């Protein structure tokens, strides 16, 4: 994996209040108050980020080249975004901020 997607993920996630990165390796997880709101994962040798969203099915249906239902956590409202494709990073940043807010609503007005 190119390090650029992970650098971008860190820039987005760590800019949010009270966030931290756990592990710090290629399988980075971003937390707020000990709750994970986003994590980088490899699926079938492809790089991705998984996060919670209320728009999962709509995103997967509208943009299957960019988004997918990750194993195990999709039934809990999580979605995956491929990092090895031409991603709209502004949209992805907004989705990650939403995931953060869903995980730590008491921190965000």
N, C-alpha and C. Protein backbone atom coordinates (compact mmCIF):
# COMPACT_ATOMS: atom_id res chain seq x y z
N UNK A 1 0.84 -1.18 0.00
CA UNK A 1 0.00 0.00 0.00
C UNK A 1 0.88 1.23 0.00
N UNK A 2 0.48 2.19 -0.76
CA UNK A 2 1.10 3.50 -0.69
C UNK A 2 0.82 4.06 0.70
N UNK A 3 1.76 4.81 1.23
CA UNK A 3 1.53 5.40 2.56
C UNK A 3 0.61 6.61 2.50
N UNK A 4 0.37 7.15 1.31
CA UNK A 4 -0.45 8.35 1.19
C UNK A 4 -1.86 8.18 1.77
N UNK A 5 -2.59 7.10 1.48
CA UNK A 5 -3.93 6.97 2.07
C UNK A 5 -3.90 6.96 3.60
N UNK A 6 -2.93 6.28 4.19
CA UNK A 6 -2.84 6.23 5.65
C UNK A 6 -2.51 7.62 6.21
N UNK A 7 -1.65 8.35 5.53
CA UNK A 7 -1.34 9.72 5.95
C UNK A 7 -2.60 10.58 5.90
N UNK A 8 -3.37 10.44 4.84
CA UNK A 8 -4.63 11.20 4.72
C UNK A 8 -5.62 10.81 5.81
N UNK A 9 -5.74 9.50 6.07
CA UNK A 9 -6.64 9.05 7.14
C UNK A 9 -6.23 9.64 8.48
N UNK A 10 -4.94 9.61 8.75
CA UNK A 10 -4.45 10.18 10.02
C UNK A 10 -4.76 11.67 10.10
N UNK A 11 -4.55 12.38 9.02
CA UNK A 11 -4.80 13.82 9.01
C UNK A 11 -6.27 14.11 9.33
N UNK A 12 -7.17 13.34 8.74
CA UNK A 12 -8.61 13.54 8.95
C UNK A 12 -9.01 13.13 10.37
N UNK A 13 -8.67 11.92 10.74
CA UNK A 13 -9.16 11.36 12.01
C UNK A 13 -8.52 12.00 13.23
N UNK A 14 -7.23 12.25 13.18
CA UNK A 14 -6.55 12.78 14.36
C UNK A 14 -6.80 14.27 14.57
N UNK A 15 -7.43 14.93 13.60
CA UNK A 15 -7.81 16.34 13.77
C UNK A 15 -9.07 16.49 14.62
N UNK A 16 -9.77 15.40 14.84
CA UNK A 16 -11.02 15.44 15.61
C UNK A 16 -10.72 15.41 17.11
N UNK A 17 -11.55 16.07 17.93
CA UNK A 17 -11.29 16.15 19.37
C UNK A 17 -11.19 14.78 20.05
N UNK A 18 -10.20 14.67 20.93
CA UNK A 18 -10.00 13.50 21.78
C UNK A 18 -9.80 12.19 21.02
N UNK A 19 -9.23 12.27 19.83
CA UNK A 19 -8.98 11.04 19.07
C UNK A 19 -7.54 10.58 19.27
N UNK A 20 -7.35 9.30 19.05
CA UNK A 20 -6.01 8.72 19.11
C UNK A 20 -5.94 7.57 18.11
N UNK A 21 -4.72 7.24 17.76
CA UNK A 21 -4.50 6.10 16.87
C UNK A 21 -3.98 4.95 17.71
N UNK A 22 -4.60 3.81 17.56
CA UNK A 22 -4.20 2.62 18.28
C UNK A 22 -3.47 1.70 17.30
N UNK A 23 -2.42 1.09 17.75
CA UNK A 23 -1.61 0.16 16.99
C UNK A 23 -0.55 0.92 16.21
N UNK A 24 -0.96 1.84 15.34
CA UNK A 24 0.01 2.62 14.59
C UNK A 24 0.69 1.88 13.46
N UNK A 25 0.31 0.64 13.23
CA UNK A 25 0.87 -0.11 12.11
C UNK A 25 -0.03 0.05 10.90
N UNK A 26 0.13 -0.81 9.94
CA UNK A 26 -0.70 -0.74 8.73
C UNK A 26 -2.18 -0.96 9.05
N UNK A 27 -2.48 -1.64 10.15
CA UNK A 27 -3.87 -1.87 10.54
C UNK A 27 -4.29 -0.86 11.60
N UNK A 28 -4.10 0.39 11.32
CA UNK A 28 -4.39 1.47 12.27
C UNK A 28 -5.88 1.52 12.61
N UNK A 29 -6.15 1.82 13.87
CA UNK A 29 -7.53 2.05 14.32
C UNK A 29 -7.57 3.42 14.98
N UNK A 30 -8.62 4.16 14.69
CA UNK A 30 -8.78 5.49 15.25
C UNK A 30 -9.90 5.46 16.27
N UNK A 31 -9.60 5.99 17.45
CA UNK A 31 -10.54 5.90 18.57
C UNK A 31 -10.85 7.28 19.12
N UNK A 32 -12.00 7.34 19.73
CA UNK A 32 -12.36 8.48 20.57
C UNK A 32 -12.85 7.89 21.88
N UNK A 33 -12.17 8.28 22.97
CA UNK A 33 -12.51 7.74 24.29
C UNK A 33 -12.64 6.22 24.29
N UNK A 34 -11.65 5.55 23.79
CA UNK A 34 -11.57 4.08 23.77
C UNK A 34 -12.59 3.39 22.88
N UNK A 35 -13.29 4.13 22.04
CA UNK A 35 -14.23 3.52 21.10
C UNK A 35 -13.71 3.74 19.68
N UNK A 36 -13.62 2.67 18.92
CA UNK A 36 -13.13 2.77 17.55
C UNK A 36 -14.22 3.38 16.66
N UNK A 37 -13.85 4.38 15.87
CA UNK A 37 -14.79 4.95 14.90
C UNK A 37 -14.33 4.73 13.46
N UNK A 38 -13.08 4.34 13.26
CA UNK A 38 -12.58 4.02 11.92
C UNK A 38 -11.36 3.14 12.05
N UNK A 39 -11.19 2.23 11.10
CA UNK A 39 -9.99 1.38 11.11
C UNK A 39 -9.58 1.04 9.69
N UNK A 40 -8.29 1.03 9.49
CA UNK A 40 -7.73 0.65 8.20
C UNK A 40 -7.60 -0.87 8.19
N UNK A 41 -7.95 -1.46 7.06
CA UNK A 41 -7.95 -2.92 6.95
C UNK A 41 -7.50 -3.34 5.56
N UNK A 42 -6.97 -4.55 5.48
CA UNK A 42 -6.71 -5.17 4.18
C UNK A 42 -7.74 -6.27 3.97
N UNK A 43 -8.36 -6.24 2.80
CA UNK A 43 -9.34 -7.26 2.42
C UNK A 43 -8.89 -7.82 1.09
N UNK A 44 -8.58 -9.09 1.05
CA UNK A 44 -8.12 -9.73 -0.19
C UNK A 44 -7.00 -8.92 -0.84
N UNK A 45 -6.02 -8.54 -0.03
CA UNK A 45 -4.84 -7.80 -0.51
C UNK A 45 -5.15 -6.36 -0.93
N UNK A 46 -6.36 -5.88 -0.66
CA UNK A 46 -6.72 -4.50 -1.01
C UNK A 46 -6.83 -3.66 0.26
N UNK A 47 -6.38 -2.43 0.16
CA UNK A 47 -6.43 -1.53 1.31
C UNK A 47 -7.77 -0.83 1.39
N UNK A 48 -8.25 -0.70 2.63
CA UNK A 48 -9.55 -0.07 2.84
C UNK A 48 -9.60 0.57 4.22
N UNK A 49 -10.63 1.38 4.42
CA UNK A 49 -10.93 1.90 5.74
C UNK A 49 -12.38 1.52 6.04
N UNK A 50 -12.63 1.07 7.26
CA UNK A 50 -13.97 0.69 7.69
C UNK A 50 -14.44 1.70 8.71
N UNK A 51 -15.73 2.04 8.66
CA UNK A 51 -16.29 3.03 9.59
C UNK A 51 -17.79 2.86 9.66
N UNK A 52 -18.38 3.41 10.71
CA UNK A 52 -19.83 3.34 10.91
C UNK A 52 -20.51 4.45 10.11
N UNK A 53 -21.66 4.13 9.52
CA UNK A 53 -22.42 5.12 8.76
C UNK A 53 -23.89 4.73 8.73
N UNK A 54 -24.72 5.71 8.53
CA UNK A 54 -26.15 5.46 8.34
C UNK A 54 -26.48 5.32 6.86
N UNK A 55 -25.50 5.49 5.99
CA UNK A 55 -25.73 5.53 4.54
C UNK A 55 -25.10 4.35 3.80
N UNK A 56 -24.79 3.28 4.51
CA UNK A 56 -24.06 2.17 3.93
C UNK A 56 -24.63 1.58 2.66
N UNK A 57 -25.87 1.14 2.70
CA UNK A 57 -26.46 0.50 1.53
C UNK A 57 -26.55 1.45 0.35
N UNK A 58 -26.89 2.70 0.61
CA UNK A 58 -26.97 3.70 -0.46
C UNK A 58 -25.60 3.89 -1.11
N UNK A 59 -24.55 3.98 -0.30
CA UNK A 59 -23.21 4.18 -0.84
C UNK A 59 -22.73 2.98 -1.65
N UNK A 60 -22.95 1.78 -1.12
CA UNK A 60 -22.53 0.57 -1.82
C UNK A 60 -23.29 0.42 -3.14
N UNK A 61 -24.58 0.70 -3.12
CA UNK A 61 -25.39 0.60 -4.34
C UNK A 61 -24.98 1.64 -5.37
N UNK A 62 -24.77 2.88 -4.92
CA UNK A 62 -24.45 3.97 -5.85
C UNK A 62 -23.01 3.92 -6.34
N UNK A 63 -22.09 3.45 -5.51
CA UNK A 63 -20.66 3.49 -5.86
C UNK A 63 -19.95 2.21 -5.44
N UNK A 64 -20.29 1.07 -6.05
CA UNK A 64 -19.68 -0.20 -5.63
C UNK A 64 -18.18 -0.28 -5.89
N UNK A 65 -17.65 0.56 -6.76
CA UNK A 65 -16.20 0.56 -6.98
C UNK A 65 -15.46 1.25 -5.83
N UNK A 66 -16.17 2.10 -5.08
CA UNK A 66 -15.55 2.82 -3.97
C UNK A 66 -15.90 2.23 -2.60
N UNK A 67 -17.11 1.68 -2.46
CA UNK A 67 -17.59 1.24 -1.15
C UNK A 67 -18.02 -0.23 -1.19
N UNK A 68 -17.96 -0.89 -0.03
CA UNK A 68 -18.35 -2.30 0.07
C UNK A 68 -18.83 -2.59 1.48
N UNK A 69 -19.50 -3.72 1.62
CA UNK A 69 -19.94 -4.20 2.94
C UNK A 69 -18.83 -5.08 3.52
N UNK A 70 -18.17 -4.63 4.57
CA UNK A 70 -17.08 -5.41 5.13
C UNK A 70 -17.60 -6.61 5.92
N UNK A 71 -16.81 -7.68 5.95
CA UNK A 71 -17.24 -8.85 6.72
C UNK A 71 -17.32 -8.53 8.21
N UNK A 72 -18.19 -9.22 8.88
CA UNK A 72 -18.35 -9.19 10.34
C UNK A 72 -19.03 -7.93 10.88
N UNK A 73 -18.64 -6.74 10.41
CA UNK A 73 -19.14 -5.51 11.02
C UNK A 73 -20.22 -4.82 10.21
N UNK A 74 -20.49 -5.27 9.00
CA UNK A 74 -21.52 -4.61 8.18
C UNK A 74 -22.89 -4.69 8.84
N UNK A 75 -23.16 -5.76 9.55
CA UNK A 75 -24.47 -5.90 10.20
C UNK A 75 -24.62 -4.94 11.39
N UNK A 76 -23.52 -4.30 11.78
CA UNK A 76 -23.55 -3.32 12.87
C UNK A 76 -23.50 -1.89 12.33
N UNK A 77 -23.77 -1.73 11.04
CA UNK A 77 -23.82 -0.40 10.46
C UNK A 77 -22.49 0.13 9.94
N UNK A 78 -21.50 -0.75 9.79
CA UNK A 78 -20.20 -0.31 9.28
C UNK A 78 -20.13 -0.54 7.78
N UNK A 79 -19.30 0.25 7.12
CA UNK A 79 -19.09 0.15 5.68
C UNK A 79 -17.58 0.24 5.43
N UNK A 80 -17.16 -0.26 4.28
CA UNK A 80 -15.77 -0.15 3.89
C UNK A 80 -15.62 0.76 2.68
N UNK A 81 -14.53 1.49 2.63
CA UNK A 81 -14.19 2.31 1.47
C UNK A 81 -12.82 1.87 0.98
N UNK A 82 -12.73 1.54 -0.29
CA UNK A 82 -11.46 1.13 -0.87
C UNK A 82 -10.51 2.32 -0.93
N UNK A 83 -9.25 2.08 -0.60
CA UNK A 83 -8.24 3.14 -0.64
C UNK A 83 -7.33 3.02 -1.85
N UNK A 84 -7.53 1.97 -2.65
CA UNK A 84 -6.69 1.79 -3.83
C UNK A 84 -7.41 2.20 -5.12
N UNK A 85 -8.45 3.01 -4.98
CA UNK A 85 -9.20 3.54 -6.13
C UNK A 85 -9.21 5.06 -6.03
N UNK A 86 -9.72 5.70 -7.06
CA UNK A 86 -9.83 7.15 -7.06
C UNK A 86 -10.99 7.54 -6.14
N UNK A 87 -10.68 7.80 -4.88
CA UNK A 87 -11.69 8.11 -3.87
C UNK A 87 -11.92 9.62 -3.82
N UNK A 88 -13.13 10.03 -3.55
CA UNK A 88 -13.45 11.43 -3.28
C UNK A 88 -13.11 11.67 -1.81
N UNK A 89 -11.95 12.23 -1.54
CA UNK A 89 -11.47 12.38 -0.17
C UNK A 89 -12.28 13.39 0.63
N UNK A 90 -12.91 14.34 -0.03
CA UNK A 90 -13.79 15.27 0.70
C UNK A 90 -15.01 14.51 1.22
N UNK A 91 -15.59 13.66 0.37
CA UNK A 91 -16.73 12.85 0.80
C UNK A 91 -16.32 11.88 1.90
N UNK A 92 -15.17 11.24 1.71
CA UNK A 92 -14.70 10.28 2.71
C UNK A 92 -14.43 10.98 4.04
N UNK A 93 -13.86 12.17 4.00
CA UNK A 93 -13.62 12.93 5.24
C UNK A 93 -14.94 13.23 5.94
N UNK A 94 -15.96 13.63 5.19
CA UNK A 94 -17.27 13.91 5.78
C UNK A 94 -17.87 12.65 6.41
N UNK A 95 -17.71 11.52 5.74
CA UNK A 95 -18.22 10.25 6.29
C UNK A 95 -17.47 9.86 7.56
N UNK A 96 -16.17 10.09 7.60
CA UNK A 96 -15.39 9.78 8.79
C UNK A 96 -15.77 10.69 9.96
N UNK A 97 -16.03 11.95 9.67
CA UNK A 97 -16.50 12.87 10.72
C UNK A 97 -17.85 12.40 11.25
N UNK A 98 -18.73 11.96 10.36
CA UNK A 98 -20.02 11.42 10.79
C UNK A 98 -19.83 10.18 11.67
N UNK A 99 -18.90 9.30 11.28
CA UNK A 99 -18.62 8.11 12.08
C UNK A 99 -18.13 8.50 13.47
N UNK A 100 -17.29 9.49 13.52
CA UNK A 100 -16.81 10.01 14.80
C UNK A 100 -17.99 10.51 15.64
N UNK A 101 -18.85 11.29 15.04
CA UNK A 101 -20.01 11.85 15.77
C UNK A 101 -20.96 10.75 16.25
N UNK A 102 -21.11 9.70 15.45
CA UNK A 102 -21.97 8.59 15.86
C UNK A 102 -21.37 7.83 17.04
N UNK A 103 -20.05 7.82 17.12
CA UNK A 103 -19.37 7.09 18.18
C UNK A 103 -19.26 7.91 19.45
N UNK A 104 -19.10 9.21 19.32
CA UNK A 104 -18.90 10.08 20.48
C UNK A 104 -19.84 11.27 20.44
N UNK A 105 -21.15 11.04 20.40
CA UNK A 105 -22.08 12.15 20.25
C UNK A 105 -22.05 13.16 21.39
N UNK A 106 -21.66 12.72 22.58
CA UNK A 106 -21.63 13.65 23.71
C UNK A 106 -20.50 14.67 23.59
N UNK A 107 -19.53 14.42 22.72
CA UNK A 107 -18.41 15.34 22.55
C UNK A 107 -18.68 16.43 21.53
N UNK A 108 -19.65 16.21 20.67
CA UNK A 108 -19.87 17.12 19.55
C UNK A 108 -21.23 17.78 19.71
N UNK A 109 -21.27 19.11 19.66
CA UNK A 109 -22.57 19.80 19.79
C UNK A 109 -23.49 19.51 18.63
